[in-house]
Amino acid sequence: MVPPDEHEHENDPGDLLSTLEVIEAQPLATRADAYDALHDTLARRLEAAPGAAAS
């Protein structure tokens, strides 16, 4: 599994597309873990964004 690099090119939408392409190129059995890691990374970034709503 290739974990997404959450620090490199943080605001580059092309980087997200590249990450998705890497995930899609992996065997089906490993994609769920890769998507889970990507989800966690994106959720942390969203929660840390300025103006994020406090729960």
N, C-alpha and C. Protein backbone atom coordinates (compact mmCIF):
# COMPACT_ATOMS: atom_id res chain seq x y z
N MET A 1 0.85 -1.18 0.00
CA MET A 1 0.00 0.00 0.00
C MET A 1 0.88 1.24 0.00
N VAL A 2 0.48 2.22 -0.76
CA VAL A 2 1.21 3.48 -0.81
C VAL A 2 0.39 4.52 -0.06
N PRO A 3 0.83 4.92 1.14
CA PRO A 3 0.06 5.92 1.88
C PRO A 3 0.20 7.29 1.24
N PRO A 4 -0.85 8.07 1.29
CA PRO A 4 -0.76 9.42 0.73
C PRO A 4 0.20 10.26 1.55
N ASP A 5 0.97 11.09 0.87
CA ASP A 5 1.90 11.98 1.55
C ASP A 5 1.16 13.27 1.84
N GLU A 6 0.79 13.46 3.10
CA GLU A 6 -0.08 14.59 3.44
C GLU A 6 0.64 15.92 3.50
N HIS A 7 1.96 15.94 3.39
CA HIS A 7 2.68 17.20 3.50
C HIS A 7 3.16 17.73 2.15
N GLU A 8 3.29 16.88 1.19
CA GLU A 8 3.82 17.31 -0.10
C GLU A 8 2.68 17.77 -1.00
N HIS A 9 2.78 18.96 -1.55
CA HIS A 9 1.78 19.51 -2.47
C HIS A 9 0.40 19.53 -1.84
N GLU A 10 0.27 20.03 -0.62
CA GLU A 10 -0.99 19.98 0.11
C GLU A 10 -2.15 20.64 -0.63
N ASN A 11 -1.89 21.68 -1.39
CA ASN A 11 -2.98 22.41 -2.04
C ASN A 11 -3.05 22.15 -3.53
N ASP A 12 -2.38 21.13 -4.01
CA ASP A 12 -2.33 20.83 -5.43
C ASP A 12 -3.37 19.77 -5.77
N PRO A 13 -4.45 20.15 -6.48
CA PRO A 13 -5.47 19.16 -6.82
C PRO A 13 -4.92 18.05 -7.71
N GLY A 14 -3.88 18.34 -8.46
CA GLY A 14 -3.26 17.32 -9.29
C GLY A 14 -2.62 16.24 -8.45
N ASP A 15 -2.16 16.61 -7.24
CA ASP A 15 -1.56 15.62 -6.35
C ASP A 15 -2.62 14.63 -5.88
N LEU A 16 -3.81 15.09 -5.60
CA LEU A 16 -4.89 14.19 -5.21
C LEU A 16 -5.20 13.23 -6.35
N LEU A 17 -5.25 13.74 -7.56
CA LEU A 17 -5.50 12.87 -8.70
C LEU A 17 -4.40 11.84 -8.86
N SER A 18 -3.16 12.25 -8.66
CA SER A 18 -2.04 11.31 -8.74
C SER A 18 -2.17 10.23 -7.68
N THR A 19 -2.54 10.64 -6.47
CA THR A 19 -2.72 9.68 -5.38
C THR A 19 -3.82 8.69 -5.73
N LEU A 20 -4.93 9.18 -6.28
CA LEU A 20 -6.02 8.29 -6.67
C LEU A 20 -5.59 7.33 -7.77
N GLU A 21 -4.79 7.81 -8.71
CA GLU A 21 -4.29 6.93 -9.77
C GLU A 21 -3.40 5.82 -9.20
N VAL A 22 -2.57 6.17 -8.22
CA VAL A 22 -1.71 5.17 -7.58
C VAL A 22 -2.56 4.13 -6.87
N ILE A 23 -3.58 4.59 -6.16
CA ILE A 23 -4.46 3.67 -5.44
C ILE A 23 -5.17 2.75 -6.43
N GLU A 24 -5.70 3.31 -7.49
CA GLU A 24 -6.43 2.52 -8.47
C GLU A 24 -5.54 1.50 -9.18
N ALA A 25 -4.25 1.75 -9.24
CA ALA A 25 -3.32 0.83 -9.91
C ALA A 25 -2.96 -0.36 -9.02
N GLN A 26 -3.32 -0.28 -7.74
CA GLN A 26 -3.00 -1.36 -6.80
C GLN A 26 -3.99 -2.51 -6.95
N PRO A 27 -3.58 -3.69 -6.50
CA PRO A 27 -4.51 -4.82 -6.52
C PRO A 27 -5.75 -4.50 -5.68
N LEU A 28 -6.86 -5.06 -6.07
CA LEU A 28 -8.13 -4.77 -5.41
C LEU A 28 -8.07 -5.00 -3.90
N ALA A 29 -7.38 -6.01 -3.49
CA ALA A 29 -7.33 -6.36 -2.07
C ALA A 29 -6.67 -5.26 -1.22
N THR A 30 -5.82 -4.43 -1.80
CA THR A 30 -5.13 -3.39 -1.02
C THR A 30 -5.75 -2.01 -1.16
N ARG A 31 -6.69 -1.85 -2.06
CA ARG A 31 -7.28 -0.52 -2.29
C ARG A 31 -8.04 0.01 -1.09
N ALA A 32 -8.78 -0.84 -0.39
CA ALA A 32 -9.58 -0.37 0.75
C ALA A 32 -8.70 0.29 1.80
N ASP A 33 -7.57 -0.33 2.12
CA ASP A 33 -6.66 0.27 3.11
C ASP A 33 -6.11 1.60 2.61
N ALA A 34 -5.79 1.68 1.33
CA ALA A 34 -5.25 2.92 0.78
C ALA A 34 -6.31 4.03 0.80
N TYR A 35 -7.55 3.68 0.44
CA TYR A 35 -8.62 4.68 0.49
C TYR A 35 -8.92 5.09 1.93
N ASP A 36 -8.83 4.16 2.86
CA ASP A 36 -9.04 4.48 4.27
C ASP A 36 -7.99 5.47 4.75
N ALA A 37 -6.73 5.23 4.38
CA ALA A 37 -5.65 6.14 4.77
C ALA A 37 -5.84 7.51 4.15
N LEU A 38 -6.26 7.55 2.89
CA LEU A 38 -6.51 8.82 2.22
C LEU A 38 -7.66 9.56 2.90
N HIS A 39 -8.71 8.84 3.25
CA HIS A 39 -9.84 9.45 3.94
C HIS A 39 -9.39 10.07 5.26
N ASP A 40 -8.62 9.33 6.03
CA ASP A 40 -8.14 9.85 7.32
C ASP A 40 -7.31 11.12 7.13
N THR A 41 -6.43 11.10 6.13
CA THR A 41 -5.59 12.26 5.85
C THR A 41 -6.43 13.48 5.48
N LEU A 42 -7.39 13.28 4.58
CA LEU A 42 -8.23 14.40 4.15
C LEU A 42 -9.11 14.90 5.29
N ALA A 43 -9.61 14.00 6.13
CA ALA A 43 -10.44 14.42 7.26
C ALA A 43 -9.63 15.25 8.25
N ARG A 44 -8.39 14.85 8.52
CA ARG A 44 -7.53 15.63 9.44
C ARG A 44 -7.25 17.01 8.86
N ARG A 45 -6.98 17.07 7.56
CA ARG A 45 -6.70 18.36 6.93
C ARG A 45 -7.93 19.26 6.97
N LEU A 46 -9.10 18.69 6.76
CA LEU A 46 -10.33 19.47 6.79
C LEU A 46 -10.60 19.99 8.19
N GLU A 47 -10.42 19.14 9.19
CA GLU A 47 -10.65 19.56 10.57
C GLU A 47 -9.66 20.61 11.04
N ALA A 48 -8.45 20.59 10.48
CA ALA A 48 -7.41 21.53 10.88
C ALA A 48 -7.48 22.83 10.09
N ALA A 49 -8.34 22.89 9.09
CA ALA A 49 -8.43 24.08 8.25
C ALA A 49 -8.96 25.27 9.04
N PRO A 50 -8.46 26.45 8.73
CA PRO A 50 -8.97 27.65 9.41
C PRO A 50 -10.49 27.76 9.14
N GLY A 51 -11.21 28.09 10.19
CA GLY A 51 -12.65 28.24 10.05
C GLY A 51 -13.42 26.95 10.15
N ALA A 52 -12.73 25.85 10.47
CA ALA A 52 -13.42 24.57 10.62
C ALA A 52 -14.38 24.65 11.79
N ALA A 53 -15.56 24.10 11.61
CA ALA A 53 -16.58 24.15 12.67
C ALA A 53 -16.17 23.27 13.84
N ALA A 54 -16.32 23.79 15.04
CA ALA A 54 -16.02 23.00 16.24
C ALA A 54 -17.23 22.16 16.59
N SER A 55 -16.98 20.91 16.96
CA SER A 55 -18.08 20.00 17.31
C SER A 55 -18.34 20.03 18.79
